[in-house]
Amino acid sequence: MRQTTQILINLFIFTCLNHVLFAQHEVKAEEISNGQQVSRGNLRTYKIPFNDTCVREVAIWTPANYDPKKKYATIFMHDGQMLYDSTVTWNKKEWRVDETADSLISNGVTRPFIVVGIYNDPPNRYAEFFPQDAVDYMDTAYTNNMLKSLWNGELRANHYINWITKELIPFVEDQYAVSHKRADRFLIGSSMGGLISLYGLTRNPKTFGGAACLSIHTPMINFQLMGDDAMRSLVLPYNAYLMKELPSPKKVKLYIDRGTETLDAYYGPYHEVLMQTLSKRGYEMGAQYMTLVWDKTAHDEVSWAKRLAVPMKFLLLKE
């Protein structure tokens, strides 16, 4: 009798504990309409709590033949307001994500996937996408000045990545028919979005199976401040961080590129440092790693749209 009672007590505690754990991870999202439209597939947009005082918009694209009985891979893309519809973007340009993804999936080039477009926070984008833990390797005087002048007094990348991992992914995996495997989750971004994609891979290699970093902003600083100071105070220390924290090239997929025109035209020396770091860490061109320089290609959504199929295919090639 005593043993039976103890079993019932343990079962009650276990049930209550599971309920508490589930409640801690339950994400309250509000579906909204924000004007974005797609020409292929379907798009649903949500407001999801981001911290105690604000929410973040997330636009989730699914293929036209989305089947809730299947398990889709997931691509998490930064700057979500720029991905699907040029009629609502600030510069009237877009990544054409829906057209590219639909073509790759419907033609059997890649395995099926959905795209989670995470809206950026314009005033804090630089502070949110700057690799936060790398600051420990950097010149304190230099970064303290940046904290005041460029980062609005606070670095935010760790909160951003933690939010994706602990809030956004559970929401997506609860609401959509997606795989829960690390090898089926990817990050894609451009410019500073490329930096945060690579940072997410270093910070959470057990969560993400790979990343694509288009026109990755290797100078790490505004155009006007590029030069020897940035190389010495930011770029070289950042690469020291990468030397220590990059996951094994055997465990993740990584795509890195840059163009040669507009802002990308200035990336050469900084990009080469990153290439050397990746080489030293064992990244070699092949099934797990790809790096390209796109000649006569600019730093904008039109240019990224034209080559987006390449990293998507690389990350999600159908076996």
Protein backbone atom coordinates (compact mmCIF):
# COMPACT_ATOMS: atom_id res chain seq x y z
CA MET A 1 0.00 0.00 0.00
CA ARG A 2 2.79 2.39 0.96
CA GLN A 3 4.62 1.57 -2.29
CA THR A 4 1.46 2.22 -4.35
CA THR A 5 0.96 5.55 -2.61
CA GLN A 6 4.55 6.58 -3.32
CA ILE A 7 4.16 5.65 -6.98
CA LEU A 8 1.03 7.79 -7.23
CA ILE A 9 2.81 10.70 -5.53
CA ASN A 10 5.77 10.40 -7.92
CA LEU A 11 3.42 10.27 -10.90
CA PHE A 12 1.62 13.40 -9.67
CA ILE A 13 4.92 15.26 -9.21
CA PHE A 14 6.11 14.18 -12.66
CA THR A 15 2.85 15.37 -14.26
CA CYS A 16 3.02 18.72 -12.47
CA LEU A 17 6.67 19.17 -13.41
CA ASN A 18 5.93 18.49 -17.06
CA HIS A 19 3.13 21.03 -16.95
CA VAL A 20 5.43 23.66 -15.45
CA LEU A 21 8.16 22.99 -17.99
CA PHE A 22 5.67 23.20 -20.86
CA ALA A 23 4.23 26.43 -19.49
CA GLN A 24 7.70 27.95 -19.30
CA HIS A 25 8.21 27.31 -23.04
CA GLU A 26 4.72 28.19 -24.22
CA VAL A 27 4.94 31.16 -26.56
CA LYS A 28 1.97 33.48 -26.88
CA ALA A 29 1.93 34.75 -30.44
CA GLU A 30 -0.55 37.00 -32.21
CA GLU A 31 -1.15 36.42 -35.91
CA ILE A 32 -1.38 39.71 -37.81
CA SER A 33 -1.63 41.12 -41.32
CA ASN A 34 1.14 43.58 -42.15
CA GLY A 35 0.77 44.01 -45.90
CA GLN A 36 3.44 41.57 -47.08
CA GLN A 37 2.36 39.39 -50.00
CA VAL A 38 4.00 36.45 -51.78
CA SER A 39 3.55 35.19 -55.33
CA ARG A 40 4.47 31.58 -54.48
CA GLY A 41 3.42 29.56 -51.47
CA ASN A 42 1.81 31.07 -48.38
CA LEU A 43 2.86 33.62 -45.77
CA ARG A 44 1.66 34.08 -42.20
CA THR A 45 2.96 36.83 -39.93
CA TYR A 46 3.04 36.85 -36.13
CA LYS A 47 3.94 39.16 -33.30
CA ILE A 48 5.93 37.23 -30.70
CA PRO A 49 7.10 38.59 -27.31
CA PHE A 50 10.78 39.52 -27.56
CA ASN A 51 11.40 40.88 -24.07
CA ASP A 52 9.41 42.47 -21.26
CA THR A 53 8.64 45.61 -23.25
CA CYS A 54 8.39 44.71 -26.94
CA VAL A 55 7.41 42.13 -29.52
CA ARG A 56 9.11 40.99 -32.73
CA GLU A 57 7.38 40.36 -36.05
CA VAL A 58 8.08 37.06 -37.77
CA ALA A 59 6.89 36.20 -41.30
CA ILE A 60 6.77 32.44 -41.96
CA TRP A 61 6.66 31.15 -45.53
CA THR A 62 5.41 27.67 -46.42
CA PRO A 63 5.34 25.98 -49.85
CA ALA A 64 2.08 25.90 -51.78
CA ASN A 65 1.83 22.13 -51.29
CA TYR A 66 2.67 22.30 -47.58
CA ASP A 67 1.66 19.01 -46.00
CA PRO A 68 1.25 18.88 -42.18
CA LYS A 69 2.01 15.17 -42.31
CA LYS A 70 5.57 15.80 -43.55
CA LYS A 71 8.62 17.08 -41.67
CA TYR A 72 10.16 20.19 -43.21
CA ALA A 73 13.59 21.69 -42.68
CA THR A 74 13.62 25.29 -41.37
CA ILE A 75 15.61 28.29 -42.52
CA PHE A 76 15.73 31.22 -40.09
CA MET A 77 16.48 34.42 -42.02
CA HIS A 78 17.33 37.82 -40.56
CA ASP A 79 15.98 41.17 -41.80
CA GLY A 80 12.62 39.49 -42.39
CA GLN A 81 10.89 42.63 -43.68
CA MET A 82 13.16 42.54 -46.76
CA LEU A 83 12.58 38.97 -47.91
CA TYR A 84 9.30 38.63 -49.75
CA ASP A 85 7.63 41.78 -51.04
CA SER A 86 9.41 44.81 -52.52
CA THR A 87 6.24 46.90 -52.42
CA VAL A 88 6.53 47.24 -48.63
CA THR A 89 10.33 47.49 -48.18
CA TRP A 90 12.12 50.79 -47.51
CA ASN A 91 14.20 50.59 -50.72
CA LYS A 92 11.64 48.76 -52.91
CA LYS A 93 13.95 45.75 -53.18
CA GLU A 94 13.53 42.18 -51.91
CA TRP A 95 15.29 38.82 -51.65
CA ARG A 96 12.60 36.99 -53.71
CA VAL A 97 12.65 34.23 -51.11
CA ASP A 98 9.26 32.79 -52.03
CA GLU A 99 10.09 32.50 -55.75
CA THR A 100 13.52 30.95 -55.15
CA ALA A 101 12.38 28.54 -52.44
CA ASP A 102 9.36 27.44 -54.47
CA SER A 103 11.52 26.73 -57.52
CA LEU A 104 14.07 24.70 -55.57
CA ILE A 105 11.45 22.62 -53.79
CA SER A 106 9.03 22.06 -56.68
CA ASN A 107 11.86 21.01 -59.00
CA GLY A 108 13.19 18.53 -56.44
CA VAL A 109 16.55 20.29 -56.10
CA THR A 110 16.30 20.57 -52.30
CA ARG A 111 14.37 18.75 -49.65
CA PRO A 112 11.23 20.62 -48.57
CA PHE A 113 11.69 23.53 -46.15
CA ILE A 114 9.95 26.55 -44.67
CA VAL A 115 11.43 30.02 -44.15
CA VAL A 116 11.10 31.99 -40.92
CA GLY A 117 11.78 35.66 -41.63
CA ILE A 118 12.71 37.55 -38.45
CA TYR A 119 12.11 41.30 -38.63
CA ASN A 120 15.04 43.41 -37.50
CA ASP A 121 14.88 46.25 -34.99
CA PRO A 122 16.19 49.19 -37.09
CA PRO A 123 17.56 51.41 -34.26
CA ASN A 124 19.32 48.47 -32.64
CA ARG A 125 20.23 46.33 -35.65
CA TYR A 126 23.96 46.96 -35.34
CA ALA A 127 23.98 46.20 -31.61
CA GLU A 128 21.82 43.13 -32.16
CA PHE A 129 23.89 41.62 -34.96
CA PHE A 130 27.39 42.36 -33.63
CA PRO A 131 29.06 39.13 -32.29
CA GLN A 132 28.77 39.94 -28.60
CA ASP A 133 31.11 37.39 -27.03
CA ALA A 134 33.88 38.44 -29.41
CA VAL A 135 34.04 41.81 -27.61
CA ASP A 136 35.94 40.06 -24.80
CA TYR A 137 38.83 39.75 -27.27
CA MET A 138 38.73 43.40 -28.38
CA ASP A 139 40.33 46.65 -27.27
CA THR A 140 38.24 47.93 -24.36
CA ALA A 141 38.70 51.63 -25.12
CA TYR A 142 37.65 51.08 -28.73
CA THR A 143 34.56 49.03 -27.89
CA ASN A 144 33.53 51.38 -25.04
CA ASN A 145 33.41 54.19 -27.59
CA MET A 146 31.32 52.03 -29.90
CA LEU A 147 29.01 51.16 -27.03
CA LYS A 148 28.14 54.83 -26.68
CA SER A 149 28.19 55.92 -30.31
CA LEU A 150 26.98 52.89 -32.28
CA TRP A 151 25.39 50.30 -29.98
CA ASN A 152 22.95 52.52 -28.05
CA GLY A 153 24.64 51.57 -24.79
CA GLU A 154 23.99 47.83 -24.98
CA LEU A 155 25.06 44.80 -27.00
CA ARG A 156 22.07 42.61 -27.82
CA ALA A 157 23.26 39.64 -29.90
CA ASN A 158 23.15 37.11 -27.07
CA HIS A 159 19.57 37.99 -26.22
CA TYR A 160 18.64 37.82 -29.92
CA ILE A 161 20.19 34.36 -30.42
CA ASN A 162 18.78 33.09 -27.11
CA TRP A 163 15.33 34.32 -28.13
CA ILE A 164 15.54 32.45 -31.43
CA THR A 165 16.66 29.30 -29.64
CA LYS A 166 14.39 29.34 -26.60
CA GLU A 167 11.27 31.12 -27.87
CA LEU A 168 11.05 31.22 -31.66
CA ILE A 169 12.16 27.67 -32.44
CA PRO A 170 9.75 26.09 -29.92
CA PHE A 171 6.92 28.20 -31.38
CA VAL A 172 7.73 27.18 -34.96
CA GLU A 173 8.14 23.53 -34.03
CA ASP A 174 4.83 23.58 -32.17
CA GLN A 175 2.85 25.31 -34.93
CA TYR A 176 4.42 23.86 -38.07
CA ALA A 177 5.28 20.40 -39.40
CA VAL A 178 9.04 20.76 -39.14
CA SER A 179 11.90 18.50 -38.19
CA HIS A 180 13.30 18.92 -34.68
CA LYS A 181 16.74 17.74 -35.76
CA ARG A 182 19.71 20.09 -35.55
CA ALA A 183 20.75 19.08 -39.08
CA ASP A 184 17.47 20.53 -40.41
CA ARG A 185 17.79 24.03 -38.91
CA PHE A 186 19.75 26.78 -40.69
CA LEU A 187 20.53 30.50 -40.43
CA ILE A 188 20.81 32.85 -43.42
CA GLY A 189 21.65 36.54 -43.45
CA SER A 190 23.52 39.23 -45.35
CA SER A 191 25.97 41.94 -44.31
CA MET A 192 25.61 42.28 -40.50
CA GLY A 193 23.02 39.53 -40.86
CA GLY A 194 25.87 37.37 -42.12
CA LEU A 195 27.84 38.11 -38.96
CA ILE A 196 24.95 37.16 -36.68
CA SER A 197 24.34 33.98 -38.70
CA LEU A 198 27.94 32.88 -38.19
CA TYR A 199 27.76 33.96 -34.56
CA GLY A 200 24.64 31.88 -34.03
CA LEU A 201 26.52 28.89 -35.37
CA THR A 202 29.43 29.44 -32.96
CA ARG A 203 27.16 30.08 -30.00
CA ASN A 204 24.63 27.30 -30.60
CA PRO A 205 26.19 24.56 -32.75
CA LYS A 206 23.91 22.02 -31.06
CA THR A 207 20.86 23.95 -32.28
CA PHE A 208 21.78 24.83 -35.88
CA GLY A 209 23.13 22.56 -38.58
CA GLY A 210 24.57 25.30 -40.74
CA ALA A 211 24.58 28.91 -41.90
CA ALA A 212 24.85 30.97 -45.06
CA CYS A 213 26.47 34.40 -44.79
CA LEU A 214 26.04 36.54 -47.91
CA SER A 215 28.19 39.66 -48.25
CA ILE A 216 29.26 39.01 -44.67
CA HIS A 217 30.29 42.33 -43.13
CA THR A 218 33.86 41.37 -42.28
CA PRO A 219 34.99 44.98 -41.48
CA MET A 220 32.54 44.91 -38.54
CA ILE A 221 32.28 48.70 -38.56
CA ASN A 222 30.58 51.52 -40.47
CA PHE A 223 32.06 52.39 -43.86
CA GLN A 224 33.48 55.69 -42.62
CA LEU A 225 35.49 53.96 -39.87
CA MET A 226 37.05 51.14 -41.88
CA GLY A 227 40.84 51.05 -41.82
CA ASP A 228 43.81 50.04 -39.72
CA ASP A 229 42.09 50.83 -36.41
CA ALA A 230 39.16 48.58 -37.25
CA MET A 231 41.44 45.80 -38.45
CA ARG A 232 43.55 45.92 -35.29
CA SER A 233 40.81 46.60 -32.74
CA LEU A 234 37.88 44.60 -34.16
CA VAL A 235 38.66 42.28 -37.05
CA LEU A 236 41.76 40.49 -35.78
CA PRO A 237 40.30 40.00 -32.26
CA TYR A 238 37.05 38.73 -33.82
CA ASN A 239 39.00 36.16 -35.78
CA ALA A 240 40.79 35.13 -32.59
CA TYR A 241 37.34 34.47 -31.15
CA LEU A 242 36.44 32.40 -34.21
CA MET A 243 39.64 30.37 -33.92
CA LYS A 244 38.48 29.25 -30.50
CA GLU A 245 34.72 28.99 -30.96
CA LEU A 246 34.07 27.82 -34.53
CA PRO A 247 32.46 24.37 -34.52
CA SER A 248 34.14 21.51 -36.33
CA PRO A 249 33.65 21.67 -40.11
CA LYS A 250 32.61 18.03 -39.89
CA LYS A 251 29.55 18.94 -37.82
CA VAL A 252 28.08 21.98 -39.62
CA LYS A 253 27.58 23.37 -43.10
CA LEU A 254 28.91 26.85 -43.80
CA TYR A 255 28.51 29.10 -46.84
CA ILE A 256 30.40 32.42 -47.06
CA ASP A 257 30.46 34.92 -49.92
CA ARG A 258 30.96 38.53 -50.96
CA GLY A 259 30.53 40.65 -54.06
CA THR A 260 32.94 43.11 -55.65
CA GLU A 261 30.85 46.25 -56.10
CA THR A 262 29.50 49.06 -53.85
CA LEU A 263 30.16 48.26 -50.14
CA ASP A 264 31.45 44.77 -50.96
CA ALA A 265 34.25 46.37 -52.97
CA TYR A 266 35.93 47.36 -49.67
CA TYR A 267 35.69 43.94 -48.06
CA GLY A 268 38.80 42.35 -49.60
CA PRO A 269 41.41 42.65 -46.79
CA TYR A 270 38.93 41.86 -44.01
CA HIS A 271 37.38 38.98 -45.94
CA GLU A 272 40.83 37.48 -46.53
CA VAL A 273 41.48 37.38 -42.78
CA LEU A 274 38.29 35.39 -42.32
CA MET A 275 39.27 33.01 -45.13
CA GLN A 276 42.61 32.37 -43.43
CA THR A 277 40.90 31.74 -40.10
CA LEU A 278 38.47 29.24 -41.61
CA SER A 279 41.30 27.47 -43.39
CA LYS A 280 43.28 27.16 -40.17
CA ARG A 281 40.23 25.68 -38.47
CA GLY A 282 40.01 22.99 -41.14
CA TYR A 283 37.29 24.39 -43.41
CA GLU A 284 37.95 23.16 -46.96
CA MET A 285 35.76 23.54 -50.04
CA GLY A 286 33.46 20.56 -50.30
CA ALA A 287 30.15 19.18 -49.08
CA GLN A 288 30.42 21.00 -45.73
CA TYR A 289 31.92 24.34 -46.75
CA MET A 290 31.59 26.70 -49.69
CA THR A 291 33.04 30.17 -50.23
CA LEU A 292 32.55 32.31 -53.32
CA VAL A 293 33.35 35.79 -54.63
CA TRP A 294 30.65 37.06 -56.98
CA ASP A 295 32.24 39.33 -59.60
CA LYS A 296 30.48 42.59 -60.51
CA THR A 297 27.91 42.02 -57.77
CA ALA A 298 26.71 44.72 -55.38
CA HIS A 299 25.67 44.92 -51.73
CA ASP A 300 21.87 44.88 -52.01
CA GLU A 301 18.78 42.69 -52.00
CA VAL A 302 18.66 42.41 -55.79
CA SER A 303 22.17 40.94 -55.82
CA TRP A 304 21.45 38.55 -52.95
CA ALA A 305 18.21 37.44 -54.62
CA LYS A 306 20.06 36.53 -57.80
CA ARG A 307 22.35 34.10 -55.95
CA LEU A 308 20.14 32.95 -53.06
CA ALA A 309 19.50 29.61 -54.77
CA VAL A 310 23.19 28.73 -54.42
CA PRO A 311 23.40 28.77 -50.60
CA MET A 312 19.89 27.31 -50.24
CA LYS A 313 20.87 24.41 -52.49
CA PHE A 314 24.16 23.99 -50.66
CA LEU A 315 22.48 23.79 -47.26
CA LEU A 316 19.47 21.70 -48.29
CA LEU A 317 20.56 19.61 -51.26
CA LYS A 318 18.24 16.67 -51.72
CA GLU A 319 20.03 13.42 -50.96
